N, C-alpha and C. Protein backbone atom coordinates (compact mmCIF):
# COMPACT_ATOMS: atom_id res chain seq x y z
N UNK A 1 0.83 -1.13 0.02
CA UNK A 1 -0.02 -0.02 -0.02
C UNK A 1 0.84 1.25 -0.01
N UNK A 2 0.60 2.15 -0.86
CA UNK A 2 1.35 3.37 -1.02
C UNK A 2 0.69 4.45 -0.20
N UNK A 3 1.53 5.22 0.62
CA UNK A 3 1.06 6.33 1.46
C UNK A 3 1.39 7.65 0.75
N UNK A 4 0.35 8.48 0.60
CA UNK A 4 0.55 9.82 0.05
C UNK A 4 0.04 10.82 1.09
N UNK A 5 0.92 11.79 1.50
CA UNK A 5 0.48 12.90 2.40
C UNK A 5 0.51 12.39 3.84
N UNK A 6 -0.05 13.29 4.71
CA UNK A 6 -0.04 12.99 6.17
C UNK A 6 -1.26 12.19 6.60
N UNK A 7 -1.01 11.41 7.60
CA UNK A 7 -2.21 10.76 8.22
C UNK A 7 -2.65 11.66 9.34
N UNK A 8 -3.76 11.33 9.95
CA UNK A 8 -4.38 12.17 10.98
C UNK A 8 -3.44 12.51 12.11
N UNK A 9 -2.77 11.47 12.65
CA UNK A 9 -1.90 11.75 13.86
C UNK A 9 -0.78 12.66 13.52
N UNK A 10 -0.20 12.59 12.33
CA UNK A 10 0.89 13.44 11.94
C UNK A 10 0.35 14.89 11.81
N UNK A 11 -0.81 15.07 11.29
CA UNK A 11 -1.41 16.42 11.18
C UNK A 11 -1.67 17.03 12.51
N UNK A 12 -2.18 16.21 13.46
CA UNK A 12 -2.43 16.74 14.81
C UNK A 12 -1.10 17.20 15.49
N UNK A 13 -0.05 16.41 15.29
CA UNK A 13 1.24 16.73 15.85
C UNK A 13 1.79 18.07 15.32
N UNK A 14 1.62 18.25 13.99
CA UNK A 14 2.11 19.45 13.41
C UNK A 14 1.30 20.69 13.87
N UNK A 15 0.01 20.49 14.00
CA UNK A 15 -0.86 21.57 14.52
C UNK A 15 -0.48 21.92 15.94
N UNK A 16 -0.23 20.94 16.83
CA UNK A 16 0.17 21.23 18.19
C UNK A 16 1.51 21.91 18.26
N UNK A 17 2.43 21.53 17.47
CA UNK A 17 3.74 22.18 17.46
C UNK A 17 3.62 23.61 17.01
N UNK A 18 2.95 23.86 15.94
CA UNK A 18 2.74 25.18 15.46
C UNK A 18 2.02 26.08 16.43
N UNK A 19 0.97 25.55 17.09
CA UNK A 19 0.20 26.32 18.05
C UNK A 19 1.03 26.73 19.26
N UNK A 20 1.79 25.70 19.76
CA UNK A 20 2.61 26.05 20.96
C UNK A 20 3.73 27.06 20.58
N UNK A 21 4.25 26.99 19.36
CA UNK A 21 5.26 27.98 18.91
C UNK A 21 4.60 29.39 18.82
N UNK A 22 3.45 29.45 18.26
CA UNK A 22 2.76 30.71 18.17
C UNK A 22 2.41 31.31 19.51
N UNK A 23 1.97 30.42 20.44
CA UNK A 23 1.64 30.94 21.80
C UNK A 23 2.90 31.46 22.53
N UNK A 24 4.01 30.76 22.36
CA UNK A 24 5.24 31.24 22.94
C UNK A 24 5.67 32.60 22.32
N UNK A 25 5.59 32.67 21.03
CA UNK A 25 5.90 33.94 20.39
C UNK A 25 4.99 35.08 20.82
N UNK A 26 3.71 34.79 20.97
CA UNK A 26 2.75 35.80 21.38
C UNK A 26 3.00 36.30 22.79
N UNK A 27 3.29 35.31 23.75
CA UNK A 27 3.54 35.70 25.09
C UNK A 27 4.80 36.59 25.22
N UNK A 28 5.83 36.21 24.43
CA UNK A 28 7.10 37.00 24.48
C UNK A 28 6.84 38.41 23.94
N UNK A 29 6.13 38.50 22.83
CA UNK A 29 5.85 39.77 22.21
C UNK A 29 4.98 40.63 23.16
N UNK A 30 4.01 40.03 23.81
CA UNK A 30 3.15 40.77 24.73
C UNK A 30 3.94 41.29 25.98
N UNK A 31 4.89 40.50 26.46
CA UNK A 31 5.71 40.94 27.57
C UNK A 31 6.59 42.16 27.15
N UNK A 32 7.13 42.08 25.99
CA UNK A 32 7.98 43.17 25.46
C UNK A 32 7.13 44.43 25.27
N UNK A 33 5.98 44.24 24.75
CA UNK A 33 5.05 45.38 24.51
C UNK A 33 4.68 46.07 25.82
N UNK A 34 4.33 45.26 26.87
CA UNK A 34 3.97 45.85 28.17
C UNK A 34 5.17 46.57 28.80
N UNK A 35 6.36 46.01 28.67
CA UNK A 35 7.52 46.66 29.22
C UNK A 35 7.77 48.04 28.51
N UNK A 36 7.59 48.11 27.24
CA UNK A 36 7.81 49.32 26.49
C UNK A 36 6.70 50.40 26.88
N UNK A 37 5.46 49.93 27.06
CA UNK A 37 4.44 50.86 27.52
C UNK A 37 4.75 51.45 28.89
N UNK A 38 5.23 50.64 29.79
CA UNK A 38 5.64 51.06 31.10
C UNK A 38 6.78 52.08 30.99
N UNK A 39 7.76 51.83 30.18
CA UNK A 39 8.89 52.71 30.03
C UNK A 39 8.47 54.05 29.50
N UNK A 40 7.47 54.10 28.65
CA UNK A 40 6.98 55.38 28.15
C UNK A 40 6.50 56.27 29.30
N UNK A 41 5.87 55.70 30.29
CA UNK A 41 5.41 56.49 31.45
C UNK A 41 6.57 56.81 32.37
N UNK A 42 7.57 55.97 32.37
CA UNK A 42 8.67 56.15 33.40
C UNK A 42 9.68 57.19 32.96
N UNK A 43 10.18 57.21 31.83
CA UNK A 43 11.24 58.19 31.46
C UNK A 43 11.02 58.82 30.16
N UNK A 44 9.87 59.48 30.00
CA UNK A 44 9.57 60.22 28.83
C UNK A 44 10.43 61.49 28.81
N UNK A 45 10.90 61.85 27.69
CA UNK A 45 11.79 63.05 27.53
C UNK A 45 11.17 64.29 28.09
N UNK A 46 9.88 64.46 27.85
CA UNK A 46 9.18 65.65 28.33
C UNK A 46 9.24 65.77 29.85
N UNK A 47 9.09 64.66 30.57
CA UNK A 47 9.12 64.70 32.03
C UNK A 47 10.50 64.74 32.60
N UNK A 48 11.44 64.15 31.88
CA UNK A 48 12.84 64.34 32.30
C UNK A 48 13.23 65.82 32.19
N UNK A 49 12.82 66.47 31.15
CA UNK A 49 13.12 67.89 31.01
C UNK A 49 12.47 68.69 32.09
N UNK A 50 11.22 68.39 32.40
CA UNK A 50 10.52 69.11 33.51
C UNK A 50 11.28 68.91 34.81
N UNK A 51 11.71 67.71 35.09
CA UNK A 51 12.48 67.45 36.29
C UNK A 51 13.82 68.19 36.27
N UNK A 52 14.43 68.25 35.14
CA UNK A 52 15.68 69.01 35.04
C UNK A 52 15.41 70.50 35.32
N UNK A 53 14.32 71.04 34.80
CA UNK A 53 13.94 72.44 35.07
C UNK A 53 13.70 72.63 36.53
N UNK A 54 12.97 71.77 37.21
CA UNK A 54 12.76 71.85 38.67
C UNK A 54 14.10 71.84 39.38
N UNK A 55 15.03 70.96 38.93
CA UNK A 55 16.33 70.96 39.58
C UNK A 55 17.07 72.26 39.44
N UNK A 56 16.97 72.89 38.25
CA UNK A 56 17.62 74.20 38.09
C UNK A 56 16.99 75.25 38.99
N UNK A 57 15.71 75.26 39.20
CA UNK A 57 15.07 76.19 40.13
C UNK A 57 15.57 75.88 41.56
N UNK A 58 15.62 74.63 41.92
CA UNK A 58 16.08 74.32 43.28
C UNK A 58 17.55 74.68 43.45
N UNK A 59 18.34 74.56 42.39
CA UNK A 59 19.75 75.00 42.50
C UNK A 59 19.84 76.48 42.80
N UNK A 60 18.87 77.27 42.33
CA UNK A 60 18.94 78.71 42.55
C UNK A 60 18.48 79.04 44.01
N UNK A 61 17.99 78.03 44.74
CA UNK A 61 17.57 78.22 46.11
C UNK A 61 18.65 77.67 47.06
N UNK A 62 18.24 77.37 48.30
CA UNK A 62 19.12 76.73 49.29
C UNK A 62 19.06 75.22 49.13
N UNK A 63 19.46 74.66 47.98
CA UNK A 63 19.35 73.27 47.72
C UNK A 63 20.24 72.41 48.56
N UNK A 64 21.27 73.03 49.15
CA UNK A 64 22.16 72.25 50.03
C UNK A 64 21.44 71.86 51.32
N UNK A 65 20.35 72.59 51.68
CA UNK A 65 19.58 72.22 52.92
C UNK A 65 19.02 70.86 52.87
N UNK A 66 18.24 70.48 51.82
CA UNK A 66 17.71 69.14 51.78
C UNK A 66 18.79 68.06 51.65
N UNK A 67 19.88 68.35 50.93
CA UNK A 67 20.98 67.39 50.80
C UNK A 67 21.59 67.13 52.19
N UNK A 68 21.82 68.19 52.95
CA UNK A 68 22.38 68.00 54.31
C UNK A 68 21.38 67.27 55.21
N UNK A 69 20.08 67.60 55.10
CA UNK A 69 19.07 66.92 55.88
C UNK A 69 19.09 65.41 55.54
N UNK A 70 19.17 65.10 54.29
CA UNK A 70 19.20 63.70 53.84
C UNK A 70 20.37 62.97 54.46
N UNK A 71 21.55 63.58 54.36
CA UNK A 71 22.79 62.99 54.91
C UNK A 71 22.66 62.82 56.39
N UNK A 72 22.16 63.84 57.12
CA UNK A 72 22.03 63.75 58.58
C UNK A 72 21.01 62.68 58.99
N UNK A 73 19.90 62.59 58.30
CA UNK A 73 18.87 61.57 58.61
C UNK A 73 19.39 60.19 58.35
N UNK A 74 20.16 60.02 57.27
CA UNK A 74 20.74 58.69 57.01
C UNK A 74 21.70 58.27 58.06
N UNK A 75 22.47 59.24 58.58
CA UNK A 75 23.36 58.86 59.68
C UNK A 75 22.67 58.54 60.95
N UNK A 76 21.51 59.13 61.19
CA UNK A 76 20.75 58.88 62.40
C UNK A 76 19.95 57.60 62.31
N UNK A 77 19.44 57.26 61.15
CA UNK A 77 18.57 56.11 61.02
C UNK A 77 18.85 55.40 59.72
N UNK A 78 18.95 54.04 59.75
CA UNK A 78 19.27 53.30 58.58
C UNK A 78 18.12 53.25 57.63
N UNK A 79 16.92 53.60 58.07
CA UNK A 79 15.74 53.43 57.24
C UNK A 79 15.31 54.71 56.49
N UNK A 80 16.10 55.82 56.63
CA UNK A 80 15.77 57.00 55.94
C UNK A 80 16.55 57.06 54.61
N UNK A 81 15.84 57.02 53.50
CA UNK A 81 16.50 56.91 52.23
C UNK A 81 16.20 58.14 51.32
N UNK A 82 15.22 58.93 51.64
CA UNK A 82 14.85 60.04 50.80
C UNK A 82 14.18 61.15 51.66
N UNK A 83 14.14 62.34 51.08
CA UNK A 83 13.40 63.46 51.65
C UNK A 83 12.42 63.93 50.56
N UNK A 84 11.24 64.28 51.01
CA UNK A 84 10.20 64.79 50.12
C UNK A 84 10.29 66.30 50.09
N UNK A 85 10.39 66.85 48.87
CA UNK A 85 10.55 68.34 48.73
C UNK A 85 9.23 68.97 48.33
N UNK A 86 9.02 70.17 48.74
CA UNK A 86 7.83 70.94 48.36
C UNK A 86 7.97 72.38 48.80
N UNK A 87 6.94 73.16 48.62
CA UNK A 87 7.01 74.59 48.97
C UNK A 87 7.15 74.87 50.45
N UNK A 88 6.72 73.85 51.29
CA UNK A 88 6.77 73.98 52.73
C UNK A 88 8.01 73.36 53.36
N UNK A 89 9.00 72.97 52.57
CA UNK A 89 10.21 72.38 53.09
C UNK A 89 11.00 73.40 53.91
N UNK A 90 11.33 73.04 55.15
CA UNK A 90 12.04 74.00 56.08
C UNK A 90 13.42 74.34 55.56
N UNK A 91 13.69 75.63 55.46
CA UNK A 91 15.02 76.11 55.06
C UNK A 91 15.25 76.23 53.57
N UNK A 92 14.44 75.67 52.78
CA UNK A 92 14.67 75.66 51.35
C UNK A 92 14.49 77.04 50.78
N UNK A 93 13.57 77.84 51.33
CA UNK A 93 13.26 79.15 50.79
C UNK A 93 13.74 80.28 51.68
N UNK A 94 14.60 79.93 52.66
CA UNK A 94 15.14 81.02 53.58
C UNK A 94 15.90 82.03 52.68
N UNK A 95 15.42 83.29 52.75
CA UNK A 95 16.06 84.35 51.98
C UNK A 95 15.54 84.41 50.52
N UNK A 96 14.64 83.50 50.16
CA UNK A 96 14.07 83.47 48.80
C UNK A 96 12.57 83.43 48.83
N UNK A 97 11.97 84.19 49.71
CA UNK A 97 10.52 84.12 49.89
C UNK A 97 9.73 84.41 48.60
N UNK A 98 10.30 85.33 47.77
CA UNK A 98 9.61 85.65 46.54
C UNK A 98 9.56 84.46 45.58
N UNK A 99 10.53 83.52 45.70
CA UNK A 99 10.57 82.40 44.80
C UNK A 99 9.64 81.22 45.27
N UNK A 100 9.18 81.36 46.51
CA UNK A 100 8.32 80.31 47.03
C UNK A 100 7.01 80.22 46.18
N UNK A 101 6.38 81.34 45.92
CA UNK A 101 5.16 81.36 45.14
C UNK A 101 5.43 80.87 43.68
N UNK A 102 6.56 81.31 43.12
CA UNK A 102 6.94 80.81 41.82
C UNK A 102 7.09 79.36 41.75
N UNK A 103 7.77 78.80 42.80
CA UNK A 103 7.99 77.35 42.84
C UNK A 103 6.65 76.61 42.98
N UNK A 104 5.72 77.11 43.84
CA UNK A 104 4.43 76.49 43.94
C UNK A 104 3.66 76.53 42.69
N UNK A 105 3.68 77.65 41.98
CA UNK A 105 2.96 77.74 40.71
C UNK A 105 3.62 76.84 39.65
N UNK A 106 4.92 76.70 39.66
CA UNK A 106 5.56 75.82 38.73
C UNK A 106 5.18 74.36 38.92
N UNK A 107 5.09 73.98 40.21
CA UNK A 107 4.70 72.58 40.50
C UNK A 107 3.20 72.35 40.04
N UNK A 108 2.38 73.36 40.20
CA UNK A 108 1.00 73.22 39.74
C UNK A 108 0.91 73.18 38.23
N UNK A 109 1.68 73.99 37.56
CA UNK A 109 1.71 74.04 36.06
C UNK A 109 2.24 72.77 35.50
N UNK A 110 3.21 72.13 36.16
CA UNK A 110 3.87 70.93 35.66
C UNK A 110 3.08 69.71 36.12
N UNK A 111 1.99 69.85 36.93
CA UNK A 111 1.22 68.74 37.47
C UNK A 111 2.03 67.81 38.29
N UNK A 112 2.91 68.37 39.13
CA UNK A 112 3.77 67.57 39.98
C UNK A 112 2.97 67.09 41.20
N UNK A 113 3.03 65.82 41.50
CA UNK A 113 2.38 65.32 42.73
C UNK A 113 3.37 65.06 43.85
N UNK A 114 4.63 64.77 43.45
CA UNK A 114 5.63 64.50 44.48
C UNK A 114 7.04 64.69 43.89
N UNK A 115 7.90 65.23 44.73
CA UNK A 115 9.35 65.34 44.39
C UNK A 115 10.14 64.74 45.54
N UNK A 116 11.04 63.83 45.23
CA UNK A 116 11.90 63.29 46.27
C UNK A 116 13.36 63.41 45.92
N UNK A 117 14.23 63.52 46.94
CA UNK A 117 15.59 63.56 46.72
C UNK A 117 16.18 62.28 47.39
N UNK A 118 16.92 61.52 46.57
CA UNK A 118 17.51 60.23 47.05
C UNK A 118 19.03 60.31 46.98
N UNK A 119 19.64 59.62 47.93
CA UNK A 119 21.06 59.37 47.83
C UNK A 119 21.26 58.17 46.85
N UNK A 120 22.08 58.38 45.81
CA UNK A 120 22.23 57.33 44.80
C UNK A 120 22.72 56.04 45.43
N UNK A 121 23.59 56.06 46.42
CA UNK A 121 24.11 54.85 47.02
C UNK A 121 23.01 54.08 47.78
N UNK A 122 21.95 54.73 48.20
CA UNK A 122 20.88 54.05 48.92
C UNK A 122 19.79 53.46 48.03
N UNK A 123 19.83 53.72 46.71
CA UNK A 123 18.71 53.23 45.88
C UNK A 123 18.71 51.74 45.82
N UNK A 124 19.83 51.06 45.86
CA UNK A 124 19.85 49.59 45.95
C UNK A 124 19.22 49.07 47.19
N UNK A 125 19.39 49.78 48.34
CA UNK A 125 18.73 49.32 49.58
C UNK A 125 17.21 49.43 49.45
N UNK A 126 16.75 50.48 48.76
CA UNK A 126 15.34 50.60 48.56
C UNK A 126 14.79 49.49 47.70
N UNK A 127 15.53 49.13 46.63
CA UNK A 127 15.11 48.03 45.78
C UNK A 127 15.09 46.70 46.58
N UNK A 128 16.11 46.46 47.36
CA UNK A 128 16.23 45.23 48.13
C UNK A 128 15.08 45.14 49.14
N UNK A 129 14.79 46.24 49.76
CA UNK A 129 13.68 46.29 50.73
C UNK A 129 12.39 45.93 50.03
N UNK A 130 12.15 46.49 48.87
CA UNK A 130 10.89 46.22 48.16
C UNK A 130 10.83 44.80 47.70
N UNK A 131 11.85 44.27 47.15
CA UNK A 131 11.81 42.97 46.57
C UNK A 131 11.79 41.89 47.67
N UNK A 132 12.52 42.00 48.69
CA UNK A 132 12.70 41.00 49.73
C UNK A 132 11.62 41.00 50.79
N UNK A 133 11.18 42.20 51.16
CA UNK A 133 10.36 42.33 52.38
C UNK A 133 9.06 43.04 52.20
N UNK A 134 8.73 43.51 51.01
CA UNK A 134 7.58 44.38 50.94
C UNK A 134 6.29 43.82 51.45
N UNK A 135 6.00 42.53 51.26
CA UNK A 135 4.73 42.00 51.71
C UNK A 135 4.92 40.86 52.73
N UNK A 136 6.10 40.67 53.25
CA UNK A 136 6.36 39.60 54.15
C UNK A 136 6.54 40.10 55.63
N UNK A 137 5.45 40.01 56.44
CA UNK A 137 5.51 40.50 57.82
C UNK A 137 6.53 39.76 58.67
N UNK A 138 6.98 38.56 58.25
CA UNK A 138 7.97 37.82 59.04
C UNK A 138 9.37 38.24 58.74
N UNK A 139 9.53 39.00 57.71
CA UNK A 139 10.89 39.48 57.32
C UNK A 139 11.41 40.45 58.47
N UNK A 140 12.69 40.29 58.77
CA UNK A 140 13.27 41.17 59.76
C UNK A 140 13.18 42.63 59.47
N UNK A 141 13.34 42.97 58.21
CA UNK A 141 13.32 44.34 57.81
C UNK A 141 11.99 44.91 57.42
N UNK A 142 10.93 44.12 57.69
CA UNK A 142 9.58 44.54 57.29
C UNK A 142 9.20 45.86 57.86
N UNK A 143 9.41 46.07 59.15
CA UNK A 143 9.08 47.29 59.81
C UNK A 143 9.82 48.50 59.17
N UNK A 144 11.09 48.29 58.82
CA UNK A 144 11.86 49.33 58.18
C UNK A 144 11.31 49.60 56.79
N UNK A 145 10.90 48.57 56.06
CA UNK A 145 10.39 48.70 54.75
C UNK A 145 9.12 49.54 54.79
N UNK A 146 8.23 49.25 55.72
CA UNK A 146 6.99 50.05 55.86
C UNK A 146 7.31 51.46 56.17
N UNK A 147 8.28 51.72 57.06
CA UNK A 147 8.70 53.04 57.41
C UNK A 147 9.24 53.83 56.22
N UNK A 148 10.02 53.10 55.39
CA UNK A 148 10.68 53.74 54.20
C UNK A 148 9.60 54.22 53.23
N UNK A 149 8.59 53.41 52.97
CA UNK A 149 7.67 53.70 51.90
C UNK A 149 6.39 54.32 52.37
N UNK A 150 6.28 54.78 53.63
CA UNK A 150 5.04 55.37 54.06
C UNK A 150 4.49 56.56 53.26
N UNK A 151 5.38 57.38 52.73
CA UNK A 151 4.98 58.58 52.03
C UNK A 151 5.00 58.43 50.54
N UNK A 152 5.21 57.28 50.02
CA UNK A 152 5.35 57.10 48.58
C UNK A 152 4.10 56.33 48.05
N UNK A 153 3.68 56.73 46.83
CA UNK A 153 2.57 56.02 46.23
C UNK A 153 3.10 54.66 45.67
N UNK A 154 2.19 53.76 45.42
CA UNK A 154 2.58 52.46 44.89
C UNK A 154 3.25 52.59 43.50
N UNK A 155 2.71 53.57 42.73
CA UNK A 155 3.36 53.80 41.43
C UNK A 155 4.77 54.30 41.56
N UNK A 156 5.04 55.19 42.55
CA UNK A 156 6.41 55.71 42.76
C UNK A 156 7.31 54.55 43.23
N UNK A 157 6.82 53.68 44.09
CA UNK A 157 7.60 52.55 44.53
C UNK A 157 7.95 51.65 43.31
N UNK A 158 7.03 51.40 42.43
CA UNK A 158 7.36 50.59 41.23
C UNK A 158 8.36 51.30 40.39
N UNK A 159 8.22 52.61 40.26
CA UNK A 159 9.25 53.38 39.46
C UNK A 159 10.62 53.18 40.08
N UNK A 160 10.69 53.38 41.39
CA UNK A 160 12.02 53.24 42.04
C UNK A 160 12.66 51.90 41.88
N UNK A 161 11.77 50.86 41.87
CA UNK A 161 12.28 49.53 41.63
C UNK A 161 12.91 49.38 40.23
N UNK A 162 12.31 50.08 39.29
CA UNK A 162 12.80 49.98 37.88
C UNK A 162 13.92 50.96 37.58
N UNK A 163 14.25 51.81 38.49
CA UNK A 163 15.22 52.86 38.25
C UNK A 163 16.63 52.35 38.03
N UNK A 164 17.30 52.83 36.97
CA UNK A 164 18.66 52.45 36.67
C UNK A 164 19.53 53.67 37.06
N UNK A 165 20.49 53.49 37.89
CA UNK A 165 21.22 54.66 38.48
C UNK A 165 22.70 54.65 38.05
N UNK A 166 22.97 54.42 36.80
CA UNK A 166 24.35 54.44 36.35
C UNK A 166 24.76 55.89 35.95
N UNK A 167 25.09 56.71 36.97
CA UNK A 167 25.57 58.04 36.69
C UNK A 167 26.49 58.47 37.81
N UNK A 168 27.19 59.53 37.60
CA UNK A 168 28.17 59.98 38.57
C UNK A 168 27.64 60.88 39.67
N UNK A 169 26.46 61.39 39.58
CA UNK A 169 25.89 62.31 40.55
C UNK A 169 25.60 61.56 41.86
N UNK A 170 25.88 62.17 43.01
CA UNK A 170 25.65 61.47 44.27
C UNK A 170 24.17 61.44 44.70
N UNK A 171 23.32 62.29 44.12
CA UNK A 171 21.92 62.37 44.52
C UNK A 171 21.03 62.24 43.23
N UNK A 172 19.83 61.77 43.46
CA UNK A 172 18.82 61.74 42.35
C UNK A 172 17.63 62.57 42.78
N UNK A 173 17.10 63.38 41.91
CA UNK A 173 15.95 64.08 42.07
C UNK A 173 14.85 63.42 41.21
N UNK A 174 13.83 62.85 41.86
CA UNK A 174 12.78 62.11 41.18
C UNK A 174 11.46 62.84 41.33
N UNK A 175 10.76 63.05 40.21
CA UNK A 175 9.47 63.71 40.25
C UNK A 175 8.41 62.85 39.70
N UNK A 176 7.20 62.94 40.30
CA UNK A 176 6.05 62.21 39.83
C UNK A 176 5.02 63.23 39.32
N UNK A 177 4.56 63.01 38.11
CA UNK A 177 3.60 63.90 37.47
C UNK A 177 2.27 63.15 37.25
N UNK A 178 1.14 63.85 37.53
CA UNK A 178 -0.19 63.24 37.29
C UNK A 178 -0.82 64.04 36.21
N UNK A 179 -1.02 63.43 35.05
CA UNK A 179 -1.61 64.12 33.92
C UNK A 179 -2.98 63.51 33.62
N UNK A 180 -4.03 64.32 33.56
CA UNK A 180 -5.38 63.89 33.25
C UNK A 180 -5.83 64.41 31.91
N UNK A 181 -6.50 63.59 31.16
CA UNK A 181 -6.98 64.03 29.83
C UNK A 181 -8.44 64.59 29.99
N UNK A 182 -9.04 64.91 28.87
CA UNK A 182 -10.37 65.52 28.92
C UNK A 182 -11.44 64.58 29.48
N UNK A 183 -11.26 63.26 29.39
CA UNK A 183 -12.23 62.31 29.97
C UNK A 183 -11.90 61.96 31.38
N UNK A 184 -11.04 62.70 32.05
CA UNK A 184 -10.62 62.51 33.43
C UNK A 184 -9.93 61.17 33.70
N UNK A 185 -9.25 60.67 32.71
CA UNK A 185 -8.41 59.52 32.85
C UNK A 185 -7.07 60.03 33.17
N UNK A 186 -6.51 59.64 34.34
CA UNK A 186 -5.24 60.16 34.75
C UNK A 186 -4.11 59.13 34.69
N UNK A 187 -2.93 59.56 34.35
CA UNK A 187 -1.77 58.66 34.30
C UNK A 187 -0.60 59.33 35.03
N UNK A 188 0.19 58.52 35.67
CA UNK A 188 1.36 58.99 36.34
C UNK A 188 2.57 58.83 35.45
N UNK A 189 3.37 59.90 35.37
CA UNK A 189 4.59 59.90 34.61
C UNK A 189 5.73 60.25 35.54
N UNK A 190 6.93 59.82 35.23
CA UNK A 190 8.08 60.02 36.12
C UNK A 190 9.30 60.49 35.33
N UNK A 191 10.13 61.25 36.05
CA UNK A 191 11.41 61.67 35.46
C UNK A 191 12.36 61.82 36.58
N UNK A 192 13.63 61.66 36.31
CA UNK A 192 14.69 61.89 37.32
C UNK A 192 15.90 62.46 36.66
N UNK A 193 16.63 63.18 37.48
CA UNK A 193 17.93 63.78 37.03
C UNK A 193 18.95 63.63 38.16
N UNK A 194 20.22 63.63 37.81
CA UNK A 194 21.27 63.57 38.82
C UNK A 194 21.51 64.99 39.39
N UNK A 195 21.81 65.02 40.66
CA UNK A 195 22.06 66.28 41.37
C UNK A 195 23.43 66.25 41.98
């Protein structure tokens, strides 16, 4: 008897192999696509420029005050990794009261929800705390992790986990922006610069 073409079992095997290959390809492509969508929100050029502009305004003020506060707090407590900056930060506007209103208006115009100053050397501790102990109450450092992240939004924590800090500056200035469209759908964008 002469056989021509595939029999049923060979056809089923070919279909299964092709289907599994396509599913693997689709899942890989979907993962890459989601990563790129997230990166668009994280380090968009527009928001990096806004953060750079905020840094320049802060440089014209008493910006050494929050840097010194950060260093002093880190020496006093192992769990202090950042300071939150705003128009009510003590000592930042000493001698620059006229710039306080300008700074507040700038933050409103840029839709800034939060600005933090980080020591670059401590960013890995923040990542370790998040990855190892974030949801584990039995972890030794769990109390410290909760203390570290009390003033940060979940989106900011996720951004800090993804942050790559290969630069020479000793501090990072990180800003969170909340942009809402006409249909009141809001998205958070992030930018950072070295200080």
